[in-house]
Protein backbone atom coordinates (compact mmCIF):
# COMPACT_ATOMS: atom_id res chain seq x y z
CA MET A 1 30.42 4.12 -95.47
CA PRO A 2 28.90 7.56 -96.69
CA PHE A 3 30.05 9.15 -99.77
CA ASP A 4 29.46 12.46 -100.39
CA SER A 5 28.07 13.57 -104.10
CA VAL A 6 31.68 13.59 -105.81
CA VAL A 7 33.57 10.27 -105.41
CA SER A 8 36.55 8.67 -106.83
CA GLY A 9 35.23 5.94 -110.19
CA GLY A 10 36.72 3.50 -107.39
CA GLU A 11 34.96 3.17 -104.60
CA LEU A 12 31.50 3.43 -107.55
CA MET A 13 33.19 0.38 -109.24
CA GLU A 14 32.82 -1.59 -105.27
CA LEU A 15 29.08 -0.10 -104.54
CA MET A 16 27.81 -0.94 -108.59
CA GLY A 17 26.14 -4.62 -108.69
CA LYS A 18 25.55 -4.08 -104.97
CA ASP A 19 21.35 -5.01 -103.19
CA VAL A 20 19.72 -2.07 -102.78
CA HIS A 21 17.74 -2.71 -99.54
CA ASN A 22 15.59 -1.16 -97.27
CA VAL A 23 15.55 0.04 -94.03
CA SER A 24 13.52 -3.13 -93.05
CA GLY A 25 15.80 -5.33 -95.30
CA GLU A 26 13.98 -6.01 -97.62
CA ASP A 27 15.33 -6.44 -101.41
CA LEU A 28 14.25 -3.39 -103.56
CA GLY A 29 16.74 -4.08 -106.34
CA LYS A 30 20.39 -3.96 -107.53
CA LEU A 31 22.74 -0.97 -108.10
CA GLU A 32 24.08 -0.92 -111.71
CA ASP A 33 24.64 2.24 -113.17
CA PHE A 34 24.69 5.95 -112.47
CA ALA A 35 24.68 9.39 -113.55
CA VAL A 36 27.18 12.14 -113.59
CA GLU A 37 26.29 15.95 -113.94
CA PRO A 38 28.72 16.51 -116.92
CA VAL A 39 30.71 20.19 -115.80
CA GLN A 40 31.40 18.69 -111.69
CA GLY A 41 31.15 15.10 -111.35
CA ARG A 42 28.47 14.75 -109.24
CA ILE A 43 26.37 11.90 -108.49
CA MET A 44 22.92 13.60 -109.58
CA TYR A 45 21.24 9.73 -109.95
CA GLY A 46 21.82 6.43 -108.63
CA ILE A 47 20.49 3.92 -111.34
CA VAL A 48 18.18 0.39 -109.37
CA ARG A 49 17.05 -1.98 -111.04
CA ILE A 50 14.67 -4.48 -110.31
CA GLY A 51 13.57 -7.88 -111.59
CA GLY A 52 15.41 -8.72 -115.12
CA GLY A 53 18.70 -11.76 -115.11
CA PHE A 54 19.70 -13.56 -117.90
CA LEU A 55 18.17 -11.75 -121.23
CA LYS A 56 15.67 -9.89 -119.54
CA ALA A 57 16.74 -6.15 -119.11
CA GLY A 58 14.19 -5.94 -115.81
CA LYS A 59 13.47 -1.70 -114.59
CA LEU A 60 14.78 1.13 -114.44
CA PHE A 61 14.31 3.08 -111.62
CA ALA A 62 16.65 6.70 -111.77
CA VAL A 63 17.27 7.63 -108.05
CA PRO A 64 18.39 10.96 -105.85
CA TRP A 65 21.66 9.92 -105.25
CA SER A 66 20.98 11.62 -101.40
CA SER A 67 18.64 8.78 -100.94
CA PHE A 68 20.98 6.39 -100.58
CA GLN A 69 22.71 5.37 -97.27
CA PHE A 70 25.74 3.49 -97.18
CA SER A 71 27.11 1.37 -94.85
CA THR A 72 29.22 -1.42 -94.11
CA SER A 73 26.15 -3.50 -94.17
CA GLY A 74 25.25 -2.10 -97.16
CA VAL A 75 23.50 -0.40 -99.24
CA MET A 76 19.72 1.33 -98.28
CA LEU A 77 17.16 3.81 -99.77
CA ASP A 78 14.74 4.77 -96.62
CA VAL A 79 11.65 3.09 -98.42
CA GLN A 80 8.56 0.83 -99.11
CA LYS A 81 8.59 -1.86 -101.31
CA SER A 82 6.00 -0.31 -103.05
CA VAL A 83 7.44 3.20 -103.31
CA ILE A 84 9.98 1.79 -105.56
CA ASP A 85 7.59 -1.06 -107.23
CA ASN A 86 5.90 1.95 -109.24
CA ALA A 87 8.37 5.37 -109.11
CA PRO A 88 9.34 6.48 -112.41
CA SER A 89 11.04 4.34 -114.62
CA PHE A 90 12.32 3.66 -117.34
CA ASP A 91 14.17 0.52 -119.77
CA LYS A 92 18.49 0.21 -121.52
CA ASP A 93 16.86 1.58 -123.99
CA ASN A 94 15.27 4.72 -123.80
CA TRP A 95 16.71 6.53 -120.16
CA PRO A 96 15.37 9.40 -119.89
CA ASP A 97 17.12 12.16 -120.13
CA MET A 98 18.64 13.77 -116.78
CA ALA A 99 19.57 16.96 -117.00
CA ASP A 100 16.11 17.73 -117.73
CA ARG A 101 14.67 20.18 -114.70
CA ARG A 102 12.11 19.57 -114.49
CA TRP A 103 12.14 15.71 -114.88
CA GLY A 104 15.26 15.89 -112.62
CA THR A 105 12.22 18.07 -110.29
CA SER A 106 9.65 15.09 -110.77
CA VAL A 107 12.18 12.60 -109.87
CA HIS A 108 12.92 13.85 -105.95
CA ASN A 109 9.85 14.29 -105.41
CA TYR A 110 8.24 11.36 -106.19
CA PHE A 111 10.98 10.56 -104.08
CA GLN A 112 10.96 13.14 -100.97
CA ALA A 113 15.35 14.24 -101.81
CA LYS A 114 15.65 18.15 -102.79
CA PRO A 115 16.63 18.04 -106.12
CA TYR A 116 21.11 18.21 -105.71
CA TRP A 117 20.85 21.19 -107.92
CA GLU A 118 19.18 22.87 -104.99
CA GLU A 119 22.01 22.02 -102.19
CA GLU A 120 25.66 23.36 -101.55
CA GLN A 121 27.79 23.28 -103.67
CA LYS A 122 30.02 21.94 -102.90
CA SER A 123 33.85 21.70 -104.53
CA PRO A 124 37.21 19.43 -103.91
CA THR A 125 39.42 21.99 -104.74
CA GLU A 126 38.36 24.64 -102.75
CA PRO A 127 39.97 25.31 -99.65
CA PRO A 128 38.18 25.53 -96.46
CA GLN A 129 37.87 29.34 -95.85
CA ALA A 130 39.93 30.79 -92.47
CA THR A 131 38.90 34.00 -91.16
CA THR A 132 42.76 35.83 -90.66
CA THR A 133 43.06 39.07 -88.48
CA ASP A 134 45.63 41.22 -90.32
CA PRO A 135 48.48 43.00 -87.68
CA SER A 136 48.76 45.65 -89.98
CA SER A 137 45.02 46.95 -88.96
CA ALA A 138 45.04 46.06 -85.34
CA SER A 139 44.29 49.71 -83.65
CA GLY A 140 46.73 49.54 -80.57
């Protein structure tokens, strides 16, 4: 099930807490949260948690939203477990400034993903542009 970078709150709630696996079936953690760009409402990052549990916070990782794959079998990332294990992490009480493009560039480079701010912006309110011919301008 493909998700655009603009999704409804209900769709996000369905994804929160889902296990994340790689294409080899290895457990990579849980999709714990999302970082949303406040102006356009685009999802910038999925926040994956590894480890933790009762009274343990675990490690958090911001993964570019474009790196995720969604299907009926779950949430997947096309990376080896070692990529997640060695990714830049943060803890629940000390989140990075996800609007900082220098930080974002380093995360996108790490995951070999194109930065979201370089992708073509999709506006859910803009209708598709149609090509029309004005009959009054036709010669004949």
